[in-house]
N, C-alpha and C. Protein backbone atom coordinates (compact mmCIF):
# COMPACT_ATOMS: atom_id res chain seq x y z
N MET A 1 -12.18 12.20 -15.06
CA MET A 1 -11.94 11.44 -13.85
C MET A 1 -10.75 10.52 -14.09
N GLY A 2 -9.83 10.55 -13.16
CA GLY A 2 -8.64 9.72 -13.26
C GLY A 2 -8.82 8.40 -12.54
N THR A 3 -7.74 7.85 -12.12
CA THR A 3 -7.75 6.58 -11.42
C THR A 3 -8.45 6.69 -10.08
N PHE A 4 -8.27 7.83 -9.41
CA PHE A 4 -8.85 8.05 -8.09
C PHE A 4 -9.96 9.08 -8.19
N PRO A 5 -11.11 8.80 -7.57
CA PRO A 5 -12.24 9.73 -7.68
C PRO A 5 -11.99 11.07 -6.97
N ASN A 6 -11.14 11.07 -5.94
CA ASN A 6 -10.82 12.32 -5.27
C ASN A 6 -9.48 12.20 -4.57
N ASP A 7 -8.98 13.31 -4.05
CA ASP A 7 -7.67 13.33 -3.40
C ASP A 7 -7.63 12.45 -2.16
N ASP A 8 -8.74 12.38 -1.43
CA ASP A 8 -8.78 11.58 -0.21
C ASP A 8 -8.56 10.10 -0.49
N SER A 9 -9.11 9.59 -1.58
CA SER A 9 -8.94 8.17 -1.89
C SER A 9 -7.48 7.86 -2.22
N PHE A 10 -6.83 8.76 -2.94
CA PHE A 10 -5.41 8.59 -3.23
C PHE A 10 -4.59 8.64 -1.93
N LEU A 11 -4.91 9.56 -1.07
CA LEU A 11 -4.20 9.72 0.19
C LEU A 11 -4.35 8.47 1.07
N ARG A 12 -5.55 7.91 1.12
CA ARG A 12 -5.77 6.69 1.91
C ARG A 12 -4.91 5.54 1.39
N LEU A 13 -4.82 5.39 0.09
CA LEU A 13 -4.00 4.32 -0.49
C LEU A 13 -2.52 4.56 -0.18
N ALA A 14 -2.06 5.78 -0.37
CA ALA A 14 -0.66 6.09 -0.12
C ALA A 14 -0.30 5.86 1.35
N VAL A 15 -1.16 6.28 2.25
CA VAL A 15 -0.88 6.11 3.68
C VAL A 15 -0.87 4.63 4.05
N SER A 16 -1.77 3.84 3.50
CA SER A 16 -1.80 2.41 3.83
C SER A 16 -0.54 1.71 3.34
N ILE A 17 -0.03 2.09 2.18
CA ILE A 17 1.22 1.52 1.67
C ILE A 17 2.38 1.92 2.55
N LEU A 18 2.44 3.19 2.94
CA LEU A 18 3.51 3.65 3.82
C LEU A 18 3.45 2.99 5.19
N MET A 19 2.25 2.77 5.71
CA MET A 19 2.12 2.09 6.99
C MET A 19 2.62 0.65 6.89
N ASP A 20 2.34 -0.02 5.78
CA ASP A 20 2.81 -1.38 5.57
C ASP A 20 4.33 -1.42 5.50
N ILE A 21 4.93 -0.48 4.79
CA ILE A 21 6.38 -0.41 4.69
C ILE A 21 6.98 -0.18 6.07
N ASN A 22 6.39 0.72 6.84
CA ASN A 22 6.88 1.01 8.17
C ASN A 22 6.76 -0.21 9.08
N GLU A 23 5.64 -0.91 9.03
CA GLU A 23 5.43 -2.10 9.86
C GLU A 23 6.45 -3.17 9.50
N GLU A 24 6.70 -3.36 8.23
CA GLU A 24 7.67 -4.35 7.79
C GLU A 24 9.07 -3.98 8.30
N TRP A 25 9.41 -2.72 8.24
CA TRP A 25 10.71 -2.25 8.68
C TRP A 25 10.89 -2.46 10.18
N ILE A 26 9.84 -2.20 10.96
CA ILE A 26 9.93 -2.32 12.42
C ILE A 26 9.95 -3.79 12.85
N THR A 27 9.07 -4.60 12.30
CA THR A 27 8.90 -5.97 12.80
C THR A 27 9.56 -7.03 11.94
N GLY A 28 9.85 -6.71 10.71
CA GLY A 28 10.37 -7.72 9.80
C GLY A 28 9.27 -8.59 9.22
N THR A 29 8.01 -8.31 9.57
CA THR A 29 6.87 -9.07 9.07
C THR A 29 6.28 -8.37 7.85
N LYS A 30 6.07 -9.12 6.81
CA LYS A 30 5.54 -8.54 5.58
C LYS A 30 4.11 -9.02 5.40
N TYR A 31 3.15 -8.09 5.46
CA TYR A 31 1.73 -8.44 5.33
C TYR A 31 1.27 -8.41 3.88
N LEU A 32 1.71 -7.44 3.13
CA LEU A 32 1.38 -7.36 1.71
C LEU A 32 2.61 -7.76 0.92
N ASN A 33 2.44 -8.67 0.00
CA ASN A 33 3.53 -9.08 -0.87
C ASN A 33 3.17 -8.70 -2.29
N PHE A 34 3.74 -7.61 -2.76
CA PHE A 34 3.40 -7.10 -4.08
C PHE A 34 3.90 -8.02 -5.19
N ASP A 35 4.88 -8.86 -4.91
CA ASP A 35 5.34 -9.83 -5.91
C ASP A 35 4.26 -10.85 -6.20
N ASP A 36 3.49 -11.25 -5.18
CA ASP A 36 2.39 -12.19 -5.38
C ASP A 36 1.29 -11.56 -6.24
N LEU A 37 1.06 -10.26 -6.10
CA LEU A 37 0.03 -9.60 -6.87
C LEU A 37 0.39 -9.53 -8.34
N GLU A 38 1.68 -9.39 -8.66
CA GLU A 38 2.10 -9.28 -10.05
C GLU A 38 1.95 -10.60 -10.79
N GLU A 39 2.05 -11.73 -10.08
CA GLU A 39 1.95 -13.03 -10.71
C GLU A 39 0.53 -13.37 -11.14
N SER A 40 -0.46 -12.77 -10.51
CA SER A 40 -1.86 -13.09 -10.80
C SER A 40 -2.28 -12.58 -12.14
């Protein structure tokens, strides 16, 4: 077993990241800040 239990879980994560990137590009609003996650 790898990081993801199945292909669907990986796909859900990838799609959510892509949706966030798309939303940021369209609106200029950033909901997830990955820089903040690295500092923790």
